[in-house]
């Protein structure tokens, strides 16, 4: 069981490293040390928290008629890192977007970004 967990953690870190290299938006400002990236294969997203945690999930992208954009990553699952011991709220900027993230002690996270 321990080897399986270690293999999954290593795979998650390698995946995260690839996502960070391949999908990092030019000029992204991960204020507070947090960033969220879409996977290069279009199969969801990875949220890298300023608390040292990595979460995996999907994204919903909405553009209003006036051109405002909102991205919502909900029900993200912890795939690497220690997790948090209490609900943690993080606000950060990424490019032109202001983002708010919530991490919970049960290994879940949600992120909402808007311009």
N, C-alpha and C. Protein backbone atom coordinates (compact mmCIF):
# COMPACT_ATOMS: atom_id res chain seq x y z
N UNK A 1 0.83 -1.19 0.00
CA UNK A 1 0.00 0.00 0.00
C UNK A 1 0.87 1.25 0.00
N UNK A 2 1.94 1.24 0.80
CA UNK A 2 2.84 2.39 0.88
C UNK A 2 3.50 2.65 -0.47
N UNK A 3 3.93 1.60 -1.17
CA UNK A 3 4.56 1.76 -2.48
C UNK A 3 3.58 2.33 -3.49
N UNK A 4 2.32 1.90 -3.42
CA UNK A 4 1.31 2.40 -4.33
C UNK A 4 1.11 3.90 -4.10
N UNK A 5 1.04 4.32 -2.83
CA UNK A 5 0.88 5.73 -2.49
C UNK A 5 2.07 6.54 -2.99
N UNK A 6 3.26 6.00 -2.78
CA UNK A 6 4.47 6.69 -3.21
C UNK A 6 4.48 6.83 -4.74
N UNK A 7 4.10 5.76 -5.44
CA UNK A 7 4.06 5.81 -6.90
C UNK A 7 3.04 6.84 -7.38
N UNK A 8 1.88 6.92 -6.72
CA UNK A 8 0.87 7.90 -7.09
C UNK A 8 1.37 9.31 -6.82
N UNK A 9 2.06 9.51 -5.71
CA UNK A 9 2.60 10.84 -5.38
C UNK A 9 3.65 11.26 -6.39
N UNK A 10 4.53 10.35 -6.75
CA UNK A 10 5.56 10.67 -7.73
C UNK A 10 4.91 10.98 -9.08
N UNK A 11 3.93 10.17 -9.47
CA UNK A 11 3.24 10.41 -10.74
C UNK A 11 2.55 11.77 -10.72
N UNK A 12 1.95 12.14 -9.60
CA UNK A 12 1.28 13.43 -9.48
C UNK A 12 2.28 14.57 -9.60
N UNK A 13 3.42 14.43 -8.96
CA UNK A 13 4.43 15.48 -9.03
C UNK A 13 5.00 15.62 -10.43
N UNK A 14 5.22 14.49 -11.11
CA UNK A 14 5.72 14.55 -12.48
C UNK A 14 4.68 15.20 -13.38
N UNK A 15 3.42 14.81 -13.23
CA UNK A 15 2.34 15.41 -14.00
C UNK A 15 2.29 16.90 -13.75
N UNK A 16 2.38 17.29 -12.48
CA UNK A 16 2.33 18.70 -12.13
C UNK A 16 3.49 19.46 -12.76
N UNK A 17 4.67 18.89 -12.71
CA UNK A 17 5.83 19.54 -13.31
C UNK A 17 5.63 19.75 -14.80
N UNK A 18 5.08 18.74 -15.48
CA UNK A 18 4.82 18.86 -16.91
C UNK A 18 3.77 19.93 -17.18
N UNK A 19 2.73 19.97 -16.35
CA UNK A 19 1.69 20.97 -16.52
C UNK A 19 2.27 22.36 -16.32
N UNK A 20 3.08 22.53 -15.30
CA UNK A 20 3.67 23.84 -15.04
C UNK A 20 4.55 24.29 -16.19
N UNK A 21 5.29 23.39 -16.78
CA UNK A 21 6.18 23.74 -17.87
C UNK A 21 5.39 23.97 -19.15
N UNK A 22 4.44 23.11 -19.45
CA UNK A 22 3.75 23.17 -20.73
C UNK A 22 2.57 24.14 -20.76
N UNK A 23 1.92 24.36 -19.62
CA UNK A 23 0.68 25.13 -19.65
C UNK A 23 0.76 26.46 -18.92
N UNK A 24 1.88 26.80 -18.39
CA UNK A 24 1.99 28.06 -17.66
C UNK A 24 1.76 29.22 -18.60
N UNK A 25 0.75 30.05 -18.31
CA UNK A 25 0.48 31.16 -19.20
C UNK A 25 1.61 32.18 -19.15
N UNK A 26 1.93 32.76 -20.29
CA UNK A 26 2.99 33.77 -20.32
C UNK A 26 2.59 34.94 -19.45
N UNK A 27 3.50 35.38 -18.62
CA UNK A 27 3.25 36.53 -17.77
C UNK A 27 2.34 36.24 -16.60
N UNK A 28 2.07 34.98 -16.29
CA UNK A 28 1.20 34.68 -15.16
C UNK A 28 1.84 35.17 -13.87
N UNK A 29 1.05 35.81 -13.05
CA UNK A 29 1.52 36.30 -11.77
C UNK A 29 0.85 35.48 -10.69
N UNK A 30 1.51 34.44 -10.21
CA UNK A 30 0.86 33.56 -9.24
C UNK A 30 0.92 34.13 -7.83
N UNK A 31 0.42 35.36 -7.65
CA UNK A 31 0.48 36.04 -6.38
C UNK A 31 0.19 35.10 -5.22
N UNK A 32 0.98 35.20 -4.17
CA UNK A 32 0.79 34.33 -3.02
C UNK A 32 1.31 32.93 -3.25
N UNK A 33 1.95 32.67 -4.38
CA UNK A 33 2.51 31.35 -4.63
C UNK A 33 1.51 30.33 -5.11
N UNK A 34 0.30 30.73 -5.47
CA UNK A 34 -0.72 29.80 -5.95
C UNK A 34 -0.90 29.98 -7.45
N UNK A 35 -1.20 28.90 -8.14
CA UNK A 35 -1.48 28.96 -9.58
C UNK A 35 -2.44 27.85 -9.95
N UNK A 36 -3.18 28.08 -11.00
CA UNK A 36 -4.05 27.04 -11.52
C UNK A 36 -3.79 26.93 -13.02
N UNK A 37 -3.71 25.71 -13.53
CA UNK A 37 -3.33 25.46 -14.92
C UNK A 37 -4.26 24.44 -15.54
N UNK A 38 -4.60 24.67 -16.80
CA UNK A 38 -5.32 23.65 -17.54
C UNK A 38 -4.30 22.63 -18.03
N UNK A 39 -4.68 21.36 -18.01
CA UNK A 39 -3.78 20.31 -18.49
C UNK A 39 -3.60 20.44 -19.99
N UNK A 40 -2.40 20.19 -20.50
CA UNK A 40 -2.15 20.35 -21.93
C UNK A 40 -3.02 19.46 -22.80
N UNK A 41 -3.48 18.32 -22.27
CA UNK A 41 -4.29 17.41 -23.08
C UNK A 41 -5.77 17.77 -23.05
N UNK A 42 -6.11 18.88 -22.35
CA UNK A 42 -7.51 19.30 -22.27
C UNK A 42 -8.32 18.49 -21.29
N UNK A 43 -7.68 17.62 -20.52
CA UNK A 43 -8.39 16.73 -19.61
C UNK A 43 -8.55 17.25 -18.20
N UNK A 44 -8.79 18.52 -18.02
CA UNK A 44 -9.01 19.05 -16.69
C UNK A 44 -7.97 20.08 -16.32
N UNK A 45 -7.71 20.19 -15.00
CA UNK A 45 -6.80 21.22 -14.53
C UNK A 45 -6.08 20.75 -13.27
N UNK A 46 -5.04 21.49 -12.94
CA UNK A 46 -4.28 21.25 -11.72
C UNK A 46 -4.19 22.58 -10.99
N UNK A 47 -4.48 22.56 -9.69
CA UNK A 47 -4.33 23.74 -8.84
C UNK A 47 -3.14 23.49 -7.92
N UNK A 48 -2.15 24.37 -7.97
CA UNK A 48 -0.98 24.29 -7.11
C UNK A 48 -1.12 25.39 -6.07
N UNK A 49 -1.37 24.98 -4.84
CA UNK A 49 -1.67 25.91 -3.76
C UNK A 49 -0.42 26.50 -3.14
N UNK A 50 -0.55 27.68 -2.57
CA UNK A 50 0.57 28.29 -1.85
C UNK A 50 0.87 27.54 -0.56
N UNK A 51 0.02 26.62 -0.16
CA UNK A 51 0.26 25.81 1.03
C UNK A 51 1.07 24.56 0.70
N UNK A 52 1.45 24.39 -0.58
CA UNK A 52 2.26 23.24 -0.97
C UNK A 52 1.46 22.04 -1.41
N UNK A 53 0.17 22.21 -1.64
CA UNK A 53 -0.69 21.11 -2.05
C UNK A 53 -0.98 21.19 -3.55
N UNK A 54 -1.26 20.03 -4.13
CA UNK A 54 -1.62 19.95 -5.55
C UNK A 54 -2.97 19.24 -5.65
N UNK A 55 -3.90 19.88 -6.37
CA UNK A 55 -5.25 19.35 -6.54
C UNK A 55 -5.52 19.14 -8.02
N UNK A 56 -6.36 18.16 -8.33
CA UNK A 56 -6.71 17.81 -9.70
C UNK A 56 -8.22 17.90 -9.86
N UNK A 57 -8.68 18.38 -11.01
CA UNK A 57 -10.12 18.46 -11.22
C UNK A 57 -10.46 18.97 -12.61
N UNK A 58 -11.65 19.53 -12.74
CA UNK A 58 -12.13 20.03 -14.03
C UNK A 58 -12.47 21.51 -13.89
N UNK A 59 -12.62 22.17 -15.02
CA UNK A 59 -12.89 23.61 -15.04
C UNK A 59 -14.12 23.91 -15.89
N UNK A 60 -14.88 24.93 -15.47
CA UNK A 60 -15.99 25.45 -16.26
C UNK A 60 -15.63 26.89 -16.59
N UNK A 61 -15.68 27.23 -17.88
CA UNK A 61 -15.28 28.54 -18.37
C UNK A 61 -16.50 29.23 -18.95
N UNK A 62 -16.83 30.42 -18.44
CA UNK A 62 -18.00 31.17 -18.90
C UNK A 62 -17.56 32.56 -19.34
N UNK A 63 -18.04 32.97 -20.53
CA UNK A 63 -17.80 34.32 -21.03
C UNK A 63 -19.16 34.99 -21.19
N UNK A 64 -19.34 36.15 -20.54
CA UNK A 64 -20.61 36.86 -20.64
C UNK A 64 -20.64 37.67 -21.93
N UNK A 65 -21.82 38.11 -22.36
CA UNK A 65 -21.91 38.93 -23.58
C UNK A 65 -21.05 40.20 -23.50
N UNK A 66 -20.83 40.71 -22.29
CA UNK A 66 -20.02 41.93 -22.14
C UNK A 66 -18.52 41.63 -22.14
N UNK A 67 -18.16 40.35 -22.21
CA UNK A 67 -16.75 39.97 -22.29
C UNK A 67 -16.11 39.58 -20.98
N UNK A 68 -16.86 39.63 -19.88
CA UNK A 68 -16.30 39.18 -18.61
C UNK A 68 -16.13 37.66 -18.63
N UNK A 69 -15.06 37.19 -18.01
CA UNK A 69 -14.77 35.77 -17.99
C UNK A 69 -14.72 35.28 -16.55
N UNK A 70 -15.32 34.12 -16.32
CA UNK A 70 -15.26 33.48 -15.02
C UNK A 70 -14.86 32.03 -15.24
N UNK A 71 -13.86 31.59 -14.47
CA UNK A 71 -13.41 30.20 -14.52
C UNK A 71 -13.66 29.61 -13.14
N UNK A 72 -14.28 28.45 -13.11
CA UNK A 72 -14.59 27.80 -11.84
C UNK A 72 -14.05 26.38 -11.85
N UNK A 73 -13.18 26.10 -10.89
CA UNK A 73 -12.68 24.75 -10.68
C UNK A 73 -13.32 24.28 -9.39
N UNK A 74 -14.25 23.34 -9.48
CA UNK A 74 -14.92 22.89 -8.27
C UNK A 74 -14.66 21.41 -8.05
N UNK A 75 -14.77 21.03 -6.81
CA UNK A 75 -14.56 19.64 -6.40
C UNK A 75 -13.18 19.13 -6.80
N UNK A 76 -12.17 19.97 -6.64
CA UNK A 76 -10.79 19.54 -6.88
C UNK A 76 -10.38 18.56 -5.79
N UNK A 77 -9.62 17.54 -6.13
CA UNK A 77 -9.20 16.51 -5.17
C UNK A 77 -7.68 16.59 -4.95
N UNK A 78 -7.27 16.49 -3.71
CA UNK A 78 -5.86 16.51 -3.34
C UNK A 78 -5.15 15.30 -3.94
N UNK A 79 -4.06 15.56 -4.71
CA UNK A 79 -3.29 14.46 -5.29
C UNK A 79 -1.85 14.43 -4.78
N UNK A 80 -1.39 15.53 -4.17
CA UNK A 80 -0.04 15.57 -3.61
C UNK A 80 0.04 16.68 -2.58
N UNK A 81 0.86 16.47 -1.58
CA UNK A 81 1.03 17.46 -0.52
C UNK A 81 0.39 17.02 0.78
N UNK A 82 0.65 17.78 1.83
CA UNK A 82 0.18 17.38 3.16
C UNK A 82 -1.29 17.65 3.43
N UNK A 83 -1.96 18.44 2.60
CA UNK A 83 -3.32 18.84 2.89
C UNK A 83 -3.31 19.97 3.91
N UNK A 84 -4.49 20.36 4.38
CA UNK A 84 -4.61 21.41 5.39
C UNK A 84 -5.35 20.85 6.60
N UNK A 85 -5.11 21.43 7.77
CA UNK A 85 -5.75 20.96 8.99
C UNK A 85 -7.03 21.72 9.30
N UNK A 86 -7.24 22.85 8.62
CA UNK A 86 -8.48 23.61 8.75
C UNK A 86 -8.76 24.29 7.41
N UNK A 87 -9.98 24.74 7.21
CA UNK A 87 -10.34 25.40 5.97
C UNK A 87 -9.43 26.60 5.76
N UNK A 88 -8.84 26.67 4.55
CA UNK A 88 -7.88 27.71 4.22
C UNK A 88 -8.37 28.47 3.00
N UNK A 89 -8.37 29.79 3.10
CA UNK A 89 -8.80 30.64 1.99
C UNK A 89 -7.58 31.40 1.45
N UNK A 90 -7.44 31.41 0.12
CA UNK A 90 -6.29 32.04 -0.51
C UNK A 90 -6.81 32.93 -1.65
N UNK A 91 -6.32 34.15 -1.71
CA UNK A 91 -6.62 35.04 -2.83
C UNK A 91 -5.32 35.30 -3.57
N UNK A 92 -5.36 35.18 -4.90
CA UNK A 92 -4.16 35.40 -5.70
C UNK A 92 -4.55 35.94 -7.07
N UNK A 93 -3.57 36.49 -7.77
CA UNK A 93 -3.81 36.94 -9.14
C UNK A 93 -3.03 36.05 -10.09
N UNK A 94 -3.61 35.88 -11.25
CA UNK A 94 -2.95 35.12 -12.31
C UNK A 94 -3.25 35.84 -13.61
N UNK A 95 -2.23 36.56 -14.11
CA UNK A 95 -2.46 37.37 -15.30
C UNK A 95 -3.49 38.43 -15.00
N UNK A 96 -4.53 38.51 -15.83
CA UNK A 96 -5.59 39.51 -15.64
C UNK A 96 -6.69 39.05 -14.69
N UNK A 97 -6.56 37.86 -14.12
CA UNK A 97 -7.61 37.29 -13.28
C UNK A 97 -7.31 37.44 -11.79
N UNK A 98 -8.37 37.70 -11.03
CA UNK A 98 -8.31 37.64 -9.58
C UNK A 98 -8.96 36.32 -9.19
N UNK A 99 -8.27 35.56 -8.34
CA UNK A 99 -8.74 34.22 -7.99
C UNK A 99 -8.90 34.07 -6.49
N UNK A 100 -9.90 33.30 -6.11
CA UNK A 100 -10.13 32.95 -4.71
C UNK A 100 -10.22 31.44 -4.62
N UNK A 101 -9.44 30.89 -3.70
CA UNK A 101 -9.41 29.43 -3.52
C UNK A 101 -9.79 29.09 -2.08
N UNK A 102 -10.41 27.95 -1.93
CA UNK A 102 -10.73 27.40 -0.62
C UNK A 102 -10.23 25.96 -0.60
N UNK A 103 -9.41 25.63 0.40
CA UNK A 103 -8.96 24.26 0.61
C UNK A 103 -9.60 23.77 1.91
N UNK A 104 -10.07 22.54 1.91
CA UNK A 104 -10.70 21.99 3.11
C UNK A 104 -9.88 20.81 3.64
N UNK A 105 -10.09 20.51 4.92
CA UNK A 105 -9.30 19.45 5.55
C UNK A 105 -9.65 18.06 5.04
N UNK A 106 -10.74 17.92 4.28
CA UNK A 106 -11.08 16.61 3.72
C UNK A 106 -10.44 16.38 2.35
N UNK A 107 -9.46 17.24 1.96
CA UNK A 107 -8.73 17.02 0.72
C UNK A 107 -9.42 17.56 -0.52
N UNK A 108 -10.35 18.48 -0.35
CA UNK A 108 -11.05 19.08 -1.48
C UNK A 108 -10.68 20.55 -1.59
N UNK A 109 -10.85 21.12 -2.77
CA UNK A 109 -10.60 22.54 -2.98
C UNK A 109 -11.52 23.06 -4.09
N UNK A 110 -11.78 24.35 -4.06
CA UNK A 110 -12.51 25.04 -5.11
C UNK A 110 -11.76 26.33 -5.42
N UNK A 111 -11.73 26.71 -6.70
CA UNK A 111 -11.09 27.95 -7.13
C UNK A 111 -12.02 28.65 -8.11
N UNK A 112 -12.19 29.96 -7.92
CA UNK A 112 -12.97 30.78 -8.85
C UNK A 112 -12.10 31.96 -9.24
N UNK A 113 -11.95 32.18 -10.56
CA UNK A 113 -11.19 33.31 -11.08
C UNK A 113 -12.08 34.13 -12.00
N UNK A 114 -11.90 35.45 -11.96
CA UNK A 114 -12.67 36.33 -12.85
C UNK A 114 -11.81 37.53 -13.23
N UNK A 115 -12.19 38.17 -14.35
CA UNK A 115 -11.47 39.37 -14.76
C UNK A 115 -12.34 40.59 -14.57
